[in-house]
Amino acid sequence: MAGRQNVPMVWLLGGPGVGKSTHLEEIASKYGIVAITSGELLRKEIARRTSRGRNISYVLQNSELVPTWIVLDLLKEELELHPGARGFIFEGYPRDKEQGELFEQQVGPVSAILLLDAPDEILKQRSLVKAVGAGFVNEDTINKRIQNFHISLDSIQSGYQSRVKKINTLPPPSEVAREIEYHLDLLFY
């Protein structure tokens, strides 16, 4: 991972339904950086039918968290596929302070932490709309995901409070995008 020390790395955090996916690709495109989603890396590894992929599938089927070392290995492997990248934005990682610290030890320092924020009721409404569209509606699961997000967020904020930039996602997406750009323009321009 040598050489990543000078490449800007951004963590995009937020609860379920907050709009991370909506803004992730826009950010990557605008700044010419690579978007990396831990969930997508896990799905790709499962699809490859490797031993590691089978282990990941088993863990997820049992509603457990994939071990940090596996996710971190996948992230590092993905970084190696983009040696000339001018920066990276990570969605879905880290989930807690320990994962963040391991990331900074093994990959490099995080340059910016963007927290997309909305009240729980809005997260629930947006998640329900998304779930209905996908043909999956389970309000208990959505509530549990929101609860788990808060546990995760508390852990991250305990270690990175001064570096977290909170962005209100209640305004229209174009206004949210401008707020994100405000925080990232100095980093990339």
N, C-alpha and C. Protein backbone atom coordinates (compact mmCIF):
# COMPACT_ATOMS: atom_id res chain seq x y z
N MET A 1 0.81 -1.20 0.00
CA MET A 1 0.00 0.00 0.00
C MET A 1 0.85 1.26 0.00
N ALA A 2 2.12 1.11 -0.11
CA ALA A 2 2.98 2.29 -0.16
C ALA A 2 2.57 3.15 -1.34
N GLY A 3 2.67 4.44 -1.18
CA GLY A 3 2.32 5.36 -2.24
C GLY A 3 0.92 5.91 -2.11
N ARG A 4 0.11 5.35 -1.24
CA ARG A 4 -1.26 5.84 -1.06
C ARG A 4 -1.31 7.01 -0.07
N GLN A 5 -0.21 7.28 0.60
CA GLN A 5 -0.20 8.32 1.62
C GLN A 5 -0.60 9.68 1.06
N ASN A 6 -0.27 9.96 -0.20
CA ASN A 6 -0.55 11.29 -0.77
C ASN A 6 -1.80 11.33 -1.62
N VAL A 7 -2.50 10.23 -1.73
CA VAL A 7 -3.72 10.18 -2.53
C VAL A 7 -4.91 10.44 -1.61
N PRO A 8 -5.74 11.45 -1.93
CA PRO A 8 -6.89 11.72 -1.06
C PRO A 8 -7.84 10.53 -0.99
N MET A 9 -8.26 10.22 0.23
CA MET A 9 -9.22 9.15 0.47
C MET A 9 -10.35 9.70 1.32
N VAL A 10 -11.58 9.46 0.86
CA VAL A 10 -12.77 10.01 1.49
C VAL A 10 -13.67 8.86 1.94
N TRP A 11 -14.19 8.97 3.15
CA TRP A 11 -15.19 8.02 3.62
C TRP A 11 -16.55 8.69 3.50
N LEU A 12 -17.50 8.03 2.86
CA LEU A 12 -18.87 8.52 2.74
C LEU A 12 -19.74 7.66 3.65
N LEU A 13 -20.24 8.28 4.71
CA LEU A 13 -21.01 7.57 5.73
C LEU A 13 -22.44 8.08 5.75
N GLY A 14 -23.33 7.27 6.28
CA GLY A 14 -24.72 7.68 6.43
C GLY A 14 -25.60 6.47 6.65
N GLY A 15 -26.76 6.72 7.21
CA GLY A 15 -27.70 5.64 7.49
C GLY A 15 -28.35 5.09 6.24
N PRO A 16 -29.10 4.02 6.40
CA PRO A 16 -29.81 3.43 5.26
C PRO A 16 -30.83 4.42 4.71
N GLY A 17 -30.85 4.57 3.40
CA GLY A 17 -31.82 5.47 2.77
C GLY A 17 -31.43 6.93 2.77
N VAL A 18 -30.24 7.26 3.23
CA VAL A 18 -29.84 8.67 3.33
C VAL A 18 -29.42 9.25 1.98
N GLY A 19 -29.05 8.41 1.03
CA GLY A 19 -28.66 8.90 -0.28
C GLY A 19 -27.20 8.71 -0.63
N LYS A 20 -26.53 7.79 0.04
CA LYS A 20 -25.11 7.56 -0.26
C LYS A 20 -24.92 7.15 -1.71
N SER A 21 -25.72 6.20 -2.18
CA SER A 21 -25.59 5.74 -3.57
C SER A 21 -25.88 6.86 -4.55
N THR A 22 -26.84 7.70 -4.24
CA THR A 22 -27.19 8.82 -5.10
C THR A 22 -26.00 9.73 -5.33
N HIS A 23 -25.25 10.00 -4.29
CA HIS A 23 -24.15 10.97 -4.39
C HIS A 23 -22.80 10.34 -4.71
N LEU A 24 -22.63 9.05 -4.45
CA LEU A 24 -21.34 8.40 -4.62
C LEU A 24 -20.79 8.54 -6.04
N GLU A 25 -21.56 8.14 -7.03
CA GLU A 25 -21.08 8.19 -8.41
C GLU A 25 -20.91 9.63 -8.90
N GLU A 26 -21.77 10.53 -8.44
CA GLU A 26 -21.62 11.95 -8.81
C GLU A 26 -20.29 12.49 -8.31
N ILE A 27 -19.95 12.16 -7.08
CA ILE A 27 -18.69 12.61 -6.49
C ILE A 27 -17.52 12.03 -7.27
N ALA A 28 -17.57 10.73 -7.52
CA ALA A 28 -16.48 10.06 -8.24
C ALA A 28 -16.29 10.68 -9.62
N SER A 29 -17.38 10.93 -10.31
CA SER A 29 -17.31 11.49 -11.66
C SER A 29 -16.79 12.93 -11.64
N LYS A 30 -17.33 13.75 -10.76
CA LYS A 30 -16.93 15.16 -10.71
C LYS A 30 -15.44 15.32 -10.41
N TYR A 31 -14.93 14.52 -9.49
CA TYR A 31 -13.54 14.69 -9.05
C TYR A 31 -12.57 13.72 -9.72
N GLY A 32 -13.08 12.85 -10.58
CA GLY A 32 -12.21 11.90 -11.26
C GLY A 32 -11.55 10.92 -10.32
N ILE A 33 -12.30 10.49 -9.31
CA ILE A 33 -11.77 9.56 -8.32
C ILE A 33 -12.51 8.22 -8.42
N VAL A 34 -11.98 7.22 -7.79
CA VAL A 34 -12.55 5.87 -7.84
C VAL A 34 -13.50 5.68 -6.67
N ALA A 35 -14.72 5.24 -6.98
CA ALA A 35 -15.72 4.92 -5.95
C ALA A 35 -15.61 3.44 -5.60
N ILE A 36 -15.49 3.16 -4.32
CA ILE A 36 -15.39 1.78 -3.85
C ILE A 36 -16.47 1.55 -2.80
N THR A 37 -17.33 0.57 -3.07
CA THR A 37 -18.41 0.22 -2.16
C THR A 37 -18.13 -1.15 -1.57
N SER A 38 -18.01 -1.22 -0.26
CA SER A 38 -17.66 -2.50 0.36
C SER A 38 -18.71 -3.56 0.07
N GLY A 39 -19.97 -3.20 0.07
CA GLY A 39 -21.02 -4.17 -0.24
C GLY A 39 -20.87 -4.76 -1.63
N GLU A 40 -20.52 -3.91 -2.58
CA GLU A 40 -20.31 -4.39 -3.96
C GLU A 40 -19.11 -5.32 -4.03
N LEU A 41 -18.04 -5.00 -3.31
CA LEU A 41 -16.87 -5.88 -3.29
C LEU A 41 -17.22 -7.26 -2.72
N LEU A 42 -18.04 -7.27 -1.67
CA LEU A 42 -18.47 -8.54 -1.08
C LEU A 42 -19.31 -9.34 -2.07
N ARG A 43 -20.26 -8.67 -2.76
CA ARG A 43 -21.10 -9.36 -3.74
C ARG A 43 -20.26 -9.92 -4.89
N LYS A 44 -19.28 -9.16 -5.36
CA LYS A 44 -18.40 -9.64 -6.44
C LYS A 44 -17.62 -10.87 -6.00
N GLU A 45 -17.12 -10.84 -4.78
CA GLU A 45 -16.34 -11.98 -4.29
C GLU A 45 -17.22 -13.22 -4.17
N ILE A 46 -18.45 -13.05 -3.73
CA ILE A 46 -19.39 -14.17 -3.66
C ILE A 46 -19.64 -14.72 -5.06
N ALA A 47 -19.86 -13.82 -6.02
CA ALA A 47 -20.14 -14.22 -7.40
C ALA A 47 -18.97 -14.97 -8.04
N ARG A 48 -17.75 -14.66 -7.61
CA ARG A 48 -16.56 -15.34 -8.15
C ARG A 48 -16.45 -16.78 -7.65
N ARG A 49 -17.24 -17.12 -6.65
CA ARG A 49 -17.30 -18.48 -6.10
C ARG A 49 -15.95 -18.97 -5.57
N THR A 50 -15.22 -18.05 -5.00
CA THR A 50 -13.95 -18.41 -4.36
C THR A 50 -14.24 -18.96 -2.97
N SER A 51 -13.23 -19.53 -2.36
CA SER A 51 -13.37 -20.00 -0.98
C SER A 51 -13.74 -18.83 -0.08
N ARG A 52 -13.08 -17.70 -0.30
CA ARG A 52 -13.38 -16.51 0.51
C ARG A 52 -14.82 -16.06 0.25
N GLY A 53 -15.25 -16.13 -1.00
CA GLY A 53 -16.62 -15.75 -1.35
C GLY A 53 -17.65 -16.64 -0.68
N ARG A 54 -17.36 -17.93 -0.63
CA ARG A 54 -18.28 -18.86 0.05
C ARG A 54 -18.35 -18.54 1.55
N ASN A 55 -17.21 -18.21 2.14
CA ASN A 55 -17.19 -17.83 3.56
C ASN A 55 -18.00 -16.57 3.79
N ILE A 56 -17.84 -15.59 2.90
CA ILE A 56 -18.60 -14.33 3.01
C ILE A 56 -20.09 -14.63 2.91
N SER A 57 -20.47 -15.44 1.94
CA SER A 57 -21.88 -15.79 1.76
C SER A 57 -22.45 -16.44 3.01
N TYR A 58 -21.71 -17.36 3.58
CA TYR A 58 -22.15 -18.05 4.79
C TYR A 58 -22.37 -17.06 5.93
N VAL A 59 -21.42 -16.17 6.12
CA VAL A 59 -21.51 -15.17 7.19
C VAL A 59 -22.74 -14.30 6.99
N LEU A 60 -22.94 -13.81 5.77
CA LEU A 60 -24.07 -12.93 5.49
C LEU A 60 -25.41 -13.66 5.63
N GLN A 61 -25.47 -14.91 5.20
CA GLN A 61 -26.71 -15.68 5.32
C GLN A 61 -27.09 -15.89 6.78
N ASN A 62 -26.11 -15.85 7.65
CA ASN A 62 -26.37 -16.00 9.09
C ASN A 62 -26.50 -14.65 9.79
N SER A 63 -26.70 -13.59 8.98
CA SER A 63 -26.91 -12.22 9.49
C SER A 63 -25.79 -11.77 10.42
N GLU A 64 -24.58 -12.19 10.11
CA GLU A 64 -23.41 -11.77 10.88
C GLU A 64 -22.62 -10.76 10.06
N LEU A 65 -21.70 -10.07 10.73
CA LEU A 65 -20.83 -9.13 10.04
C LEU A 65 -19.62 -9.86 9.48
N VAL A 66 -19.26 -9.50 8.25
CA VAL A 66 -18.06 -10.06 7.64
C VAL A 66 -16.87 -9.55 8.44
N PRO A 67 -15.93 -10.43 8.80
CA PRO A 67 -14.77 -9.99 9.58
C PRO A 67 -14.03 -8.83 8.91
N THR A 68 -13.57 -7.92 9.74
CA THR A 68 -12.89 -6.72 9.26
C THR A 68 -11.72 -7.06 8.34
N TRP A 69 -10.93 -8.07 8.70
CA TRP A 69 -9.74 -8.37 7.90
C TRP A 69 -10.11 -8.78 6.49
N ILE A 70 -11.26 -9.45 6.31
CA ILE A 70 -11.68 -9.85 4.96
C ILE A 70 -12.07 -8.61 4.15
N VAL A 71 -12.87 -7.74 4.74
CA VAL A 71 -13.29 -6.53 4.03
C VAL A 71 -12.08 -5.66 3.71
N LEU A 72 -11.18 -5.52 4.66
CA LEU A 72 -9.99 -4.70 4.44
C LEU A 72 -9.12 -5.29 3.33
N ASP A 73 -8.97 -6.61 3.30
CA ASP A 73 -8.22 -7.25 2.22
C ASP A 73 -8.86 -6.96 0.86
N LEU A 74 -10.19 -7.05 0.79
CA LEU A 74 -10.88 -6.75 -0.47
C LEU A 74 -10.67 -5.30 -0.88
N LEU A 75 -10.72 -4.39 0.08
CA LEU A 75 -10.49 -2.97 -0.22
C LEU A 75 -9.08 -2.76 -0.75
N LYS A 76 -8.11 -3.35 -0.11
CA LYS A 76 -6.71 -3.18 -0.54
C LYS A 76 -6.50 -3.77 -1.94
N GLU A 77 -7.11 -4.92 -2.20
CA GLU A 77 -7.00 -5.53 -3.53
C GLU A 77 -7.62 -4.61 -4.59
N GLU A 78 -8.74 -4.00 -4.26
CA GLU A 78 -9.39 -3.08 -5.21
C GLU A 78 -8.52 -1.85 -5.45
N LEU A 79 -7.91 -1.32 -4.41
CA LEU A 79 -7.01 -0.17 -4.57
C LEU A 79 -5.88 -0.49 -5.54
N GLU A 80 -5.35 -1.69 -5.45
CA GLU A 80 -4.23 -2.10 -6.31
C GLU A 80 -4.63 -2.12 -7.79
N LEU A 81 -5.92 -2.24 -8.07
CA LEU A 81 -6.40 -2.25 -9.45
C LEU A 81 -6.42 -0.85 -10.06
N HIS A 82 -6.17 0.18 -9.25
CA HIS A 82 -6.25 1.57 -9.70
C HIS A 82 -4.98 2.33 -9.30
N PRO A 83 -3.82 1.92 -9.82
CA PRO A 83 -2.55 2.52 -9.37
C PRO A 83 -2.41 4.00 -9.70
N GLY A 84 -3.07 4.49 -10.73
CA GLY A 84 -2.93 5.89 -11.11
C GLY A 84 -4.06 6.78 -10.63
N ALA A 85 -4.91 6.26 -9.76
CA ALA A 85 -6.06 7.04 -9.31
C ALA A 85 -5.62 8.29 -8.58
N ARG A 86 -6.39 9.36 -8.78
CA ARG A 86 -6.07 10.62 -8.08
C ARG A 86 -6.77 10.72 -6.73
N GLY A 87 -7.59 9.72 -6.42
CA GLY A 87 -8.27 9.69 -5.13
C GLY A 87 -9.29 8.58 -5.10
N PHE A 88 -9.82 8.33 -3.91
CA PHE A 88 -10.80 7.27 -3.71
C PHE A 88 -11.89 7.76 -2.77
N ILE A 89 -13.11 7.27 -3.01
CA ILE A 89 -14.20 7.49 -2.06
C ILE A 89 -14.77 6.13 -1.70
N PHE A 90 -14.90 5.88 -0.40
CA PHE A 90 -15.33 4.58 0.12
C PHE A 90 -16.72 4.72 0.73
N GLU A 91 -17.62 3.85 0.31
CA GLU A 91 -18.96 3.81 0.89
C GLU A 91 -19.15 2.45 1.55
N GLY A 92 -19.65 2.46 2.78
CA GLY A 92 -19.87 1.21 3.50
C GLY A 92 -18.69 0.78 4.36
N TYR A 93 -17.67 1.60 4.40
CA TYR A 93 -16.50 1.29 5.22
C TYR A 93 -15.89 2.61 5.66
N PRO A 94 -15.53 2.75 6.89
CA PRO A 94 -15.56 1.79 7.99
C PRO A 94 -16.93 1.78 8.67
N ARG A 95 -17.16 0.74 9.42
CA ARG A 95 -18.40 0.62 10.20
C ARG A 95 -18.20 0.97 11.66
N ASP A 96 -16.94 1.07 12.08
CA ASP A 96 -16.68 1.46 13.46
C ASP A 96 -15.27 2.04 13.56
N LYS A 97 -14.96 2.54 14.75
CA LYS A 97 -13.67 3.19 14.99
C LYS A 97 -12.51 2.24 14.73
N GLU A 98 -12.63 0.99 15.17
CA GLU A 98 -11.56 0.02 14.98
C GLU A 98 -11.27 -0.20 13.49
N GLN A 99 -12.31 -0.34 12.68
CA GLN A 99 -12.11 -0.50 11.24
C GLN A 99 -11.43 0.73 10.65
N GLY A 100 -11.82 1.90 11.12
CA GLY A 100 -11.19 3.13 10.64
C GLY A 100 -9.71 3.17 10.97
N GLU A 101 -9.38 2.80 12.20
CA GLU A 101 -7.98 2.80 12.61
C GLU A 101 -7.16 1.79 11.80
N LEU A 102 -7.72 0.61 11.57
CA LEU A 102 -7.02 -0.40 10.77
C LEU A 102 -6.83 0.08 9.33
N PHE A 103 -7.84 0.76 8.80
CA PHE A 103 -7.74 1.32 7.46
C PHE A 103 -6.55 2.29 7.39
N GLU A 104 -6.49 3.20 8.36
CA GLU A 104 -5.42 4.20 8.33
C GLU A 104 -4.05 3.56 8.55
N GLN A 105 -3.97 2.50 9.32
CA GLN A 105 -2.70 1.81 9.53
C GLN A 105 -2.25 1.06 8.28
N GLN A 106 -3.19 0.40 7.61
CA GLN A 106 -2.83 -0.49 6.51
C GLN A 106 -2.95 0.13 5.13
N VAL A 107 -3.75 1.16 4.99
CA VAL A 107 -3.99 1.77 3.68
C VAL A 107 -3.41 3.17 3.61
N GLY A 108 -3.77 4.00 4.56
CA GLY A 108 -3.31 5.38 4.60
C GLY A 108 -4.32 6.26 5.28
N PRO A 109 -3.96 7.51 5.51
CA PRO A 109 -4.86 8.41 6.24
C PRO A 109 -6.09 8.81 5.43
N VAL A 110 -7.20 8.92 6.13
CA VAL A 110 -8.41 9.42 5.50
C VAL A 110 -8.29 10.93 5.39
N SER A 111 -8.66 11.48 4.24
CA SER A 111 -8.54 12.91 3.99
C SER A 111 -9.80 13.67 4.37
N ALA A 112 -10.95 13.03 4.24
CA ALA A 112 -12.22 13.67 4.56
C ALA A 112 -13.22 12.59 4.95
N ILE A 113 -14.10 12.94 5.89
CA ILE A 113 -15.17 12.04 6.31
C ILE A 113 -16.47 12.81 6.16
N LEU A 114 -17.30 12.37 5.21
CA LEU A 114 -18.57 13.02 4.96
C LEU A 114 -19.69 12.17 5.55
N LEU A 115 -20.48 12.75 6.43
CA LEU A 115 -21.61 12.07 7.04
C LEU A 115 -22.89 12.65 6.47
N LEU A 116 -23.57 11.88 5.63
CA LEU A 116 -24.86 12.30 5.11
C LEU A 116 -25.89 12.03 6.20
N ASP A 117 -26.62 13.08 6.58
CA ASP A 117 -27.45 13.03 7.78
C ASP A 117 -28.92 13.29 7.45
N ALA A 118 -29.80 12.55 8.12
CA ALA A 118 -31.24 12.77 8.05
C ALA A 118 -31.86 12.17 9.31
N PRO A 119 -33.00 12.70 9.73
CA PRO A 119 -33.67 12.12 10.90
C PRO A 119 -34.08 10.67 10.64
N ASP A 120 -34.17 9.90 11.70
CA ASP A 120 -34.51 8.48 11.58
C ASP A 120 -35.82 8.25 10.82
N GLU A 121 -36.81 9.09 11.06
CA GLU A 121 -38.11 8.90 10.39
C GLU A 121 -37.96 9.04 8.87
N ILE A 122 -37.11 9.96 8.44
CA ILE A 122 -36.85 10.13 7.00
C ILE A 122 -36.10 8.91 6.46
N LEU A 123 -35.10 8.44 7.21
CA LEU A 123 -34.37 7.23 6.80
C LEU A 123 -35.33 6.07 6.63
N LYS A 124 -36.25 5.95 7.57
CA LYS A 124 -37.22 4.85 7.52
C LYS A 124 -38.13 4.99 6.30
N GLN A 125 -38.65 6.21 6.06
CA GLN A 125 -39.52 6.43 4.90
C GLN A 125 -38.81 6.11 3.59
N ARG A 126 -37.59 6.63 3.44
CA ARG A 126 -36.83 6.39 2.21
C ARG A 126 -36.51 4.91 2.04
N SER A 127 -36.16 4.25 3.14
CA SER A 127 -35.84 2.82 3.07
C SER A 127 -37.06 1.99 2.71
N LEU A 128 -38.22 2.38 3.22
CA LEU A 128 -39.46 1.67 2.89
C LEU A 128 -39.79 1.81 1.41
N VAL A 129 -39.62 3.01 0.87
CA VAL A 129 -39.87 3.23 -0.57
C VAL A 129 -38.93 2.36 -1.39
N LYS A 130 -37.67 2.35 -1.01
CA LYS A 130 -36.67 1.54 -1.71
C LYS A 130 -37.00 0.04 -1.59
N ALA A 131 -37.42 -0.38 -0.41
CA ALA A 131 -37.74 -1.79 -0.18
C ALA A 131 -38.96 -2.23 -0.99
N VAL A 132 -39.97 -1.38 -1.07
CA VAL A 132 -41.16 -1.70 -1.86
C VAL A 132 -40.77 -1.86 -3.32
N GLY A 133 -39.92 -0.97 -3.82
CA GLY A 133 -39.46 -1.05 -5.21
C GLY A 133 -38.69 -2.32 -5.48
N ALA A 134 -38.02 -2.85 -4.48
CA ALA A 134 -37.24 -4.07 -4.65
C ALA A 134 -38.07 -5.32 -4.33
N GLY A 135 -39.33 -5.10 -3.94
CA GLY A 135 -40.19 -6.23 -3.62
C GLY A 135 -39.91 -6.83 -2.25
N PHE A 136 -39.27 -6.06 -1.39
CA PHE A 136 -38.90 -6.55 -0.06
C PHE A 136 -39.32 -5.51 0.96
N VAL A 137 -40.29 -5.83 1.79
CA VAL A 137 -40.71 -4.88 2.82
C VAL A 137 -40.71 -5.59 4.17
N ASN A 138 -39.83 -5.14 5.03
CA ASN A 138 -39.77 -5.67 6.38
C ASN A 138 -39.36 -4.52 7.29
N GLU A 139 -40.36 -3.92 7.89
CA GLU A 139 -40.13 -2.73 8.71
C GLU A 139 -39.18 -3.02 9.87
N ASP A 140 -39.26 -4.21 10.44
CA ASP A 140 -38.36 -4.57 11.54
C ASP A 140 -36.91 -4.56 11.09
N THR A 141 -36.66 -5.10 9.89
CA THR A 141 -35.30 -5.12 9.35
C THR A 141 -34.80 -3.70 9.14
N ILE A 142 -35.65 -2.83 8.61
CA ILE A 142 -35.26 -1.44 8.38
C ILE A 142 -34.95 -0.76 9.71
N ASN A 143 -35.80 -0.96 10.70
CA ASN A 143 -35.54 -0.36 12.02
C ASN A 143 -34.23 -0.86 12.61
N LYS A 144 -33.95 -2.15 12.43
CA LYS A 144 -32.70 -2.73 12.95
C LYS A 144 -31.50 -2.12 12.23
N ARG A 145 -31.61 -1.92 10.92
CA ARG A 145 -30.50 -1.32 10.16
C ARG A 145 -30.24 0.11 10.64
N ILE A 146 -31.29 0.86 10.92
CA ILE A 146 -31.12 2.23 11.42
C ILE A 146 -30.48 2.19 12.81
N GLN A 147 -30.94 1.29 13.65
CA GLN A 147 -30.36 1.14 14.99
C GLN A 147 -28.88 0.77 14.90
N ASN A 148 -28.54 -0.18 14.04
CA ASN A 148 -27.14 -0.58 13.87
C ASN A 148 -26.29 0.56 13.34
N PHE A 149 -26.87 1.37 12.46
CA PHE A 149 -26.14 2.52 11.95
C PHE A 149 -25.76 3.46 13.09
N HIS A 150 -26.68 3.71 14.00
CA HIS A 150 -26.38 4.63 15.11
C HIS A 150 -25.28 4.08 16.02
N ILE A 151 -25.29 2.79 16.24
CA ILE A 151 -24.22 2.18 17.04
C ILE A 151 -22.89 2.37 16.33
N SER A 152 -22.88 2.12 15.03
CA SER A 152 -21.69 2.29 14.21
C SER A 152 -21.22 3.74 14.22
N LEU A 153 -22.16 4.65 14.03
CA LEU A 153 -21.84 6.08 13.98
C LEU A 153 -21.24 6.56 15.30
N ASP A 154 -21.81 6.12 16.41
CA ASP A 154 -21.28 6.52 17.71
C ASP A 154 -19.82 6.11 17.85
N SER A 155 -19.50 4.90 17.39
CA SER A 155 -18.13 4.41 17.45
C SER A 155 -17.19 5.26 16.59
N ILE A 156 -17.61 5.55 15.37
CA ILE A 156 -16.77 6.34 14.46
C ILE A 156 -16.59 7.75 15.00
N GLN A 157 -17.69 8.35 15.47
CA GLN A 157 -17.58 9.72 15.97
C GLN A 157 -16.70 9.81 17.21
N SER A 158 -16.64 8.75 17.99
CA SER A 158 -15.79 8.79 19.18
C SER A 158 -14.32 8.89 18.79
N GLY A 159 -13.96 8.40 17.63
CA GLY A 159 -12.57 8.46 17.21
C GLY A 159 -12.25 9.53 16.19
N TYR A 160 -13.28 10.03 15.51
CA TYR A 160 -13.03 10.94 14.39
C TYR A 160 -13.88 12.21 14.45
N GLN A 161 -14.44 12.53 15.60
CA GLN A 161 -15.38 13.64 15.76
C GLN A 161 -14.95 14.91 15.03
N SER A 162 -13.71 15.32 15.23
CA SER A 162 -13.26 16.60 14.67
C SER A 162 -13.12 16.57 13.15
N ARG A 163 -13.09 15.38 12.56
CA ARG A 163 -12.89 15.28 11.11
C ARG A 163 -14.18 14.98 10.34
N VAL A 164 -15.27 14.71 11.06
CA VAL A 164 -16.54 14.39 10.41
C VAL A 164 -17.24 15.67 9.97
N LYS A 165 -17.60 15.72 8.68
CA LYS A 165 -18.36 16.85 8.13
C LYS A 165 -19.79 16.38 7.93
N LYS A 166 -20.70 16.89 8.75
CA LYS A 166 -22.10 16.48 8.69
C LYS A 166 -22.83 17.28 7.61
N ILE A 167 -23.53 16.56 6.74
CA ILE A 167 -24.24 17.17 5.62
C ILE A 167 -25.72 16.79 5.70
N ASN A 168 -26.57 17.79 5.81
CA ASN A 168 -28.01 17.60 5.88
C ASN A 168 -28.54 17.15 4.52
N THR A 169 -29.24 16.01 4.48
CA THR A 169 -29.76 15.50 3.21
C THR A 169 -31.25 15.76 3.02
N LEU A 170 -31.83 16.64 3.84
CA LEU A 170 -33.24 16.97 3.66
C LEU A 170 -33.50 17.87 2.45
N PRO A 171 -32.59 18.80 2.12
CA PRO A 171 -32.81 19.62 0.92
C PRO A 171 -32.78 18.76 -0.35
N PRO A 172 -33.17 19.34 -1.49
CA PRO A 172 -33.10 18.61 -2.76
C PRO A 172 -31.67 18.12 -3.03
N PRO A 173 -31.53 17.01 -3.76
CA PRO A 173 -30.20 16.44 -4.04
C PRO A 173 -29.19 17.44 -4.61
N SER A 174 -29.65 18.39 -5.41
CA SER A 174 -28.71 19.37 -5.99
C SER A 174 -28.09 20.25 -4.90
N GLU A 175 -28.87 20.59 -3.88
CA GLU A 175 -28.34 21.39 -2.76
C GLU A 175 -27.39 20.55 -1.91
N VAL A 176 -27.73 19.29 -1.71
CA VAL A 176 -26.86 18.39 -0.96
C VAL A 176 -25.53 18.25 -1.70
N ALA A 177 -25.60 18.11 -3.03
CA ALA A 177 -24.39 17.99 -3.85
C ALA A 177 -23.50 19.22 -3.69
N ARG A 178 -24.09 20.41 -3.65
CA ARG A 178 -23.30 21.64 -3.47
C ARG A 178 -22.59 21.65 -2.12
N GLU A 179 -23.26 21.17 -1.09
CA GLU A 179 -22.65 21.10 0.24
C GLU A 179 -21.48 20.11 0.24
N ILE A 180 -21.66 18.98 -0.42
CA ILE A 180 -20.58 18.00 -0.54
C ILE A 180 -19.40 18.62 -1.27
N GLU A 181 -19.68 19.30 -2.37
CA GLU A 181 -18.63 19.94 -3.16
C GLU A 181 -17.88 20.98 -2.35
N TYR A 182 -18.57 21.69 -1.49
CA TYR A 182 -17.94 22.69 -0.64
C TYR A 182 -16.81 22.04 0.17
N HIS A 183 -17.07 20.84 0.69
CA HIS A 183 -16.08 20.15 1.52
C HIS A 183 -14.98 19.49 0.71
N LEU A 184 -15.27 19.10 -0.54
CA LEU A 184 -14.29 18.36 -1.32
C LEU A 184 -13.48 19.21 -2.30
N ASP A 185 -14.00 20.37 -2.68
CA ASP A 185 -13.28 21.20 -3.65
C ASP A 185 -11.86 21.52 -3.19
N LEU A 186 -11.70 21.85 -1.92
CA LEU A 186 -10.37 22.18 -1.41
C LEU A 186 -9.43 20.99 -1.45
N LEU A 187 -9.98 19.81 -1.34
CA LEU A 187 -9.18 18.60 -1.33
C LEU A 187 -8.69 18.22 -2.73
N PHE A 188 -9.53 18.45 -3.73
CA PHE A 188 -9.21 17.98 -5.08
C PHE A 188 -8.83 19.07 -6.07
N TYR A 189 -9.02 20.34 -5.69
CA TYR A 189 -8.66 21.42 -6.63
C TYR A 189 -7.61 22.33 -6.03
